Structures are given as structure tokens and as C-alpha cells.
Amino acid sequence: MSPEQSSTPLLVAPKAACALLSVGNTKLYELIGQKKLEVIKFGKATRITMASIRAIAGGGAA
């Protein structure tokens, strides 16, 4: 694994995902509802996969 990969988190909080995608909370949860972002729940905590964020940022749909 390269050093770049090891320092990148696999999951991020919704607030961080908003910042990474330059969208607001409403748009983020709209993308989650449309199944365009993959979400993992840990109890009450919601985390979004970096892979799904990269897919959207790379031209998936936003």
C-alpha cells in the first residue's frame, strides 16, 4: 500500500463529505437517498465511503 492510500480514510462523517463534495447537507442526504453515496451506520453514527465520494467527484452525478 502506498503512503498516500494509508493516510486516506475509508469512511468520513457527513460534514466532511459535504466539504469534500462542496455541497450542503440537503444535497448530501439527497444523494444518499438516491443511493449515489454508500452509507455505513455504526449505531447512531453515519459514515460515507470515500469510494462513493470519489465516484461522484469523478463525474458520477451531482
Protein backbone atom coordinates (compact mmCIF):
# COMPACT_ATOMS: atom_id res chain seq x y z
CA MET A 1 0.00 0.00 0.00
CA SER A 2 1.37 3.42 -0.89
CA PRO A 3 1.74 6.14 1.77
CA GLU A 4 -0.99 8.17 0.06
CA GLN A 5 -3.51 5.35 0.38
CA SER A 6 -2.73 4.63 4.02
CA SER A 7 -3.38 8.24 5.09
CA THR A 8 -6.75 8.49 3.31
CA PRO A 9 -9.71 7.45 5.47
CA LEU A 10 -12.07 4.79 4.14
CA LEU A 11 -15.08 6.46 5.75
CA VAL A 12 -15.94 10.08 6.51
CA ALA A 13 -18.63 11.85 8.52
CA PRO A 14 -21.43 13.65 6.66
CA LYS A 15 -19.94 17.06 7.49
CA ALA A 16 -16.61 16.06 5.92
CA ALA A 17 -18.41 14.58 2.89
CA CYS A 18 -20.21 17.90 2.37
CA ALA A 19 -16.87 19.71 2.40
CA LEU A 20 -15.24 17.20 0.03
CA LEU A 21 -18.10 17.44 -2.47
CA SER A 22 -18.76 21.17 -1.98
CA VAL A 23 -22.45 20.54 -1.32
CA GLY A 24 -24.79 21.33 1.52
CA ASN A 25 -26.43 18.94 3.95
CA THR A 26 -29.66 18.77 1.96
CA LYS A 27 -27.89 17.80 -1.29
CA LEU A 28 -25.75 15.25 0.56
CA TYR A 29 -28.77 13.48 2.00
CA GLU A 30 -30.50 13.70 -1.39
CA LEU A 31 -27.53 11.82 -2.91
CA ILE A 32 -27.72 9.27 -0.09
CA GLY A 33 -31.46 8.82 -0.72
CA GLN A 34 -30.77 8.28 -4.42
CA LYS A 35 -28.22 5.58 -3.46
CA LYS A 36 -25.43 7.55 -5.15
CA LEU A 37 -23.44 7.61 -1.91
CA GLU A 38 -22.79 4.47 0.10
CA VAL A 39 -23.54 4.86 3.79
CA ILE A 40 -22.46 2.72 6.72
CA LYS A 41 -24.16 3.11 10.10
CA PHE A 42 -22.47 2.48 13.44
CA GLY A 43 -25.30 2.83 15.93
CA LYS A 44 -26.33 6.47 15.54
CA ALA A 45 -23.16 7.43 13.67
CA THR A 46 -23.40 7.76 9.89
CA ARG A 47 -20.30 7.39 7.75
CA ILE A 48 -19.94 7.69 3.98
CA THR A 49 -17.44 5.66 1.98
CA MET A 50 -14.64 7.53 0.26
CA ALA A 51 -15.08 5.23 -2.75
CA SER A 52 -18.60 6.54 -3.34
CA ILE A 53 -17.44 10.14 -2.84
CA ARG A 54 -14.68 9.60 -5.41
CA ALA A 55 -17.20 8.09 -7.84
CA ILE A 56 -19.40 11.18 -7.65
CA ALA A 57 -16.49 13.63 -7.72
CA GLY A 58 -15.12 11.82 -10.76
CA GLY A 59 -18.25 12.59 -12.77
CA GLY A 60 -20.82 10.10 -11.48
CA ALA A 61 -23.68 12.52 -10.78
CA ALA A 62 -24.11 15.54 -8.55
